[in-house]
Amino acid sequence: MAYTYNDFRIVLKRTNFIMVRTKKHETWQKILSDGSILQVRVSHQYNRDIPKALSHKMLKQAGLTEDEFNKILKGKW
């Protein structure tokens, strides 16, 4: 399944990531309970599809599986 950059923004917001920078790309961060930081960079291209290899990299950065991402996107988590 292809995801858009806006899909990623929706999921990041729902999983308590905070946008900390919006220059060339948006940088989203989430501080975990152990103090480690997850960081995801998102392009400003809102409704464009994300290339498959890049979407897998972004999922890994966010600490999410594709199944978890789909459930959160659909509001069923």
C-alpha atoms as a PDB file:
ATOM      1  CA  MET A   1       0.000   0.000   0.000  1.00  0.00           C
ATOM      2  CA  ALA A   2       1.261   3.480  -0.847  1.00  0.00           C
ATOM      3  CA  TYR A   3       1.170   6.144   1.836  1.00  0.00           C
ATOM      4  CA  THR A   4       1.181   9.895   1.401  1.00  0.00           C
ATOM      5  CA  TYR A   5       3.236  12.337   3.413  1.00  0.00           C
ATOM      6  CA  ASN A   6      -0.010  13.586   4.939  1.00  0.00           C
ATOM      7  CA  ASP A   7      -0.856  10.016   6.088  1.00  0.00           C
ATOM      8  CA  PHE A   8       2.431  10.029   7.985  1.00  0.00           C
ATOM      9  CA  ARG A   9       1.631  13.364   9.616  1.00  0.00           C
ATOM     10  CA  ILE A  10      -1.721  12.017  10.813  1.00  0.00           C
ATOM     11  CA  VAL A  11      -0.141   8.916  12.363  1.00  0.00           C
ATOM     12  CA  LEU A  12       2.708  10.878  13.947  1.00  0.00           C
ATOM     13  CA  LYS A  13       0.236  13.278  15.583  1.00  0.00           C
ATOM     14  CA  ARG A  14      -1.888  10.390  16.863  1.00  0.00           C
ATOM     15  CA  THR A  15       1.170   8.699  18.380  1.00  0.00           C
ATOM     16  CA  ASN A  16       2.283  11.830  20.264  1.00  0.00           C
ATOM     17  CA  PHE A  17       5.129  12.959  18.015  1.00  0.00           C
ATOM     18  CA  ILE A  18       5.772  16.706  18.057  1.00  0.00           C
ATOM     19  CA  MET A  19       6.964  18.740  15.083  1.00  0.00           C
ATOM     20  CA  VAL A  20      10.183  20.411  16.207  1.00  0.00           C
ATOM     21  CA  ARG A  21      11.420  21.877  12.917  1.00  0.00           C
ATOM     22  CA  THR A  22       9.944  22.844   9.569  1.00  0.00           C
ATOM     23  CA  LYS A  23      12.731  24.037   7.290  1.00  0.00           C
ATOM     24  CA  LYS A  24      13.638  21.993   4.204  1.00  0.00           C
ATOM     25  CA  HIS A  25      11.780  19.019   5.746  1.00  0.00           C
ATOM     26  CA  GLU A  26       9.651  18.696   8.846  1.00  0.00           C
ATOM     27  CA  THR A  27      11.336  16.987  11.781  1.00  0.00           C
ATOM     28  CA  TRP A  28       9.060  15.137  14.196  1.00  0.00           C
ATOM     29  CA  GLN A  29      10.254  13.825  17.571  1.00  0.00           C
ATOM     30  CA  LYS A  30       8.932  11.674  20.364  1.00  0.00           C
ATOM     31  CA  ILE A  31      10.718  11.147  23.683  1.00  0.00           C
ATOM     32  CA  LEU A  32      10.170   7.658  25.077  1.00  0.00           C
ATOM     33  CA  SER A  33       9.851   6.801  28.757  1.00  0.00           C
ATOM     34  CA  ASP A  34      13.461   5.518  28.845  1.00  0.00           C
ATOM     35  CA  GLY A  35      14.685   8.905  27.579  1.00  0.00           C
ATOM     36  CA  SER A  36      15.496   7.780  24.048  1.00  0.00           C
ATOM     37  CA  ILE A  37      14.286   9.938  21.179  1.00  0.00           C
ATOM     38  CA  LEU A  38      12.568   8.814  17.991  1.00  0.00           C
ATOM     39  CA  GLN A  39      12.971  11.220  15.088  1.00  0.00           C
ATOM     40  CA  VAL A  40      11.252  11.178  11.695  1.00  0.00           C
ATOM     41  CA  ARG A  41      11.779  13.571   8.786  1.00  0.00           C
ATOM     42  CA  VAL A  42       8.792  14.268   6.545  1.00  0.00           C
ATOM     43  CA  SER A  43       8.822  16.114   3.221  1.00  0.00           C
ATOM     44  CA  HIS A  44       6.535  19.110   2.676  1.00  0.00           C
ATOM     45  CA  GLN A  45       4.844  17.297  -0.238  1.00  0.00           C
ATOM     46  CA  TYR A  46       1.457  16.646   1.334  1.00  0.00           C
ATOM     47  CA  ASN A  47      -0.594  14.395  -0.941  1.00  0.00           C
ATOM     48  CA  ARG A  48       2.238  12.819  -2.925  1.00  0.00           C
ATOM     49  CA  ASP A  49       2.914   9.133  -2.438  1.00  0.00           C
ATOM     50  CA  ILE A  50       6.024   8.189  -0.506  1.00  0.00           C
ATOM     51  CA  PRO A  51       8.359   5.790  -2.362  1.00  0.00           C
ATOM     52  CA  LYS A  52       8.118   2.294  -0.830  1.00  0.00           C
ATOM     53  CA  ALA A  53      11.756   2.137   0.366  1.00  0.00           C
ATOM     54  CA  LEU A  54      11.443   5.552   2.036  1.00  0.00           C
ATOM     55  CA  SER A  55       8.150   4.660   3.734  1.00  0.00           C
ATOM     56  CA  HIS A  56       9.826   1.577   5.274  1.00  0.00           C
ATOM     57  CA  LYS A  57      12.672   3.758   6.530  1.00  0.00           C
ATOM     58  CA  MET A  58      10.204   6.261   8.016  1.00  0.00           C
ATOM     59  CA  LEU A  59       8.242   3.466   9.715  1.00  0.00           C
ATOM     60  CA  LYS A  60      11.471   2.199  11.280  1.00  0.00           C
ATOM     61  CA  GLN A  61      12.369   5.717  12.472  1.00  0.00           C
ATOM     62  CA  ALA A  62       8.902   6.031  14.062  1.00  0.00           C
ATOM     63  CA  GLY A  63       9.200   2.616  15.732  1.00  0.00           C
ATOM     64  CA  LEU A  64       6.072   1.314  13.975  1.00  0.00           C
ATOM     65  CA  THR A  65       5.252  -1.758  11.935  1.00  0.00           C
ATOM     66  CA  GLU A  66       3.212  -1.396   8.769  1.00  0.00           C
ATOM     67  CA  ASP A  67       0.292  -3.148  10.494  1.00  0.00           C
ATOM     68  CA  GLU A  68       0.422  -0.741  13.463  1.00  0.00           C
ATOM     69  CA  PHE A  69       0.641   2.221  11.062  1.00  0.00           C
ATOM     70  CA  ASN A  70      -2.477   1.075   9.171  1.00  0.00           C
ATOM     71  CA  LYS A  71      -4.471   0.576  12.377  1.00  0.00           C
ATOM     72  CA  ILE A  72      -3.522   4.024  13.680  1.00  0.00           C
ATOM     73  CA  LEU A  73      -4.257   5.641  10.310  1.00  0.00           C
ATOM     74  CA  LYS A  74      -7.731   4.045  10.268  1.00  0.00           C
ATOM     75  CA  GLY A  75      -8.338   5.043  13.902  1.00  0.00           C
ATOM     76  CA  LYS A  76      -8.540   1.419  15.089  1.00  0.00           C
ATOM     77  CA  TRP A  77      -5.675   1.245  17.591  1.00  0.00           C
END
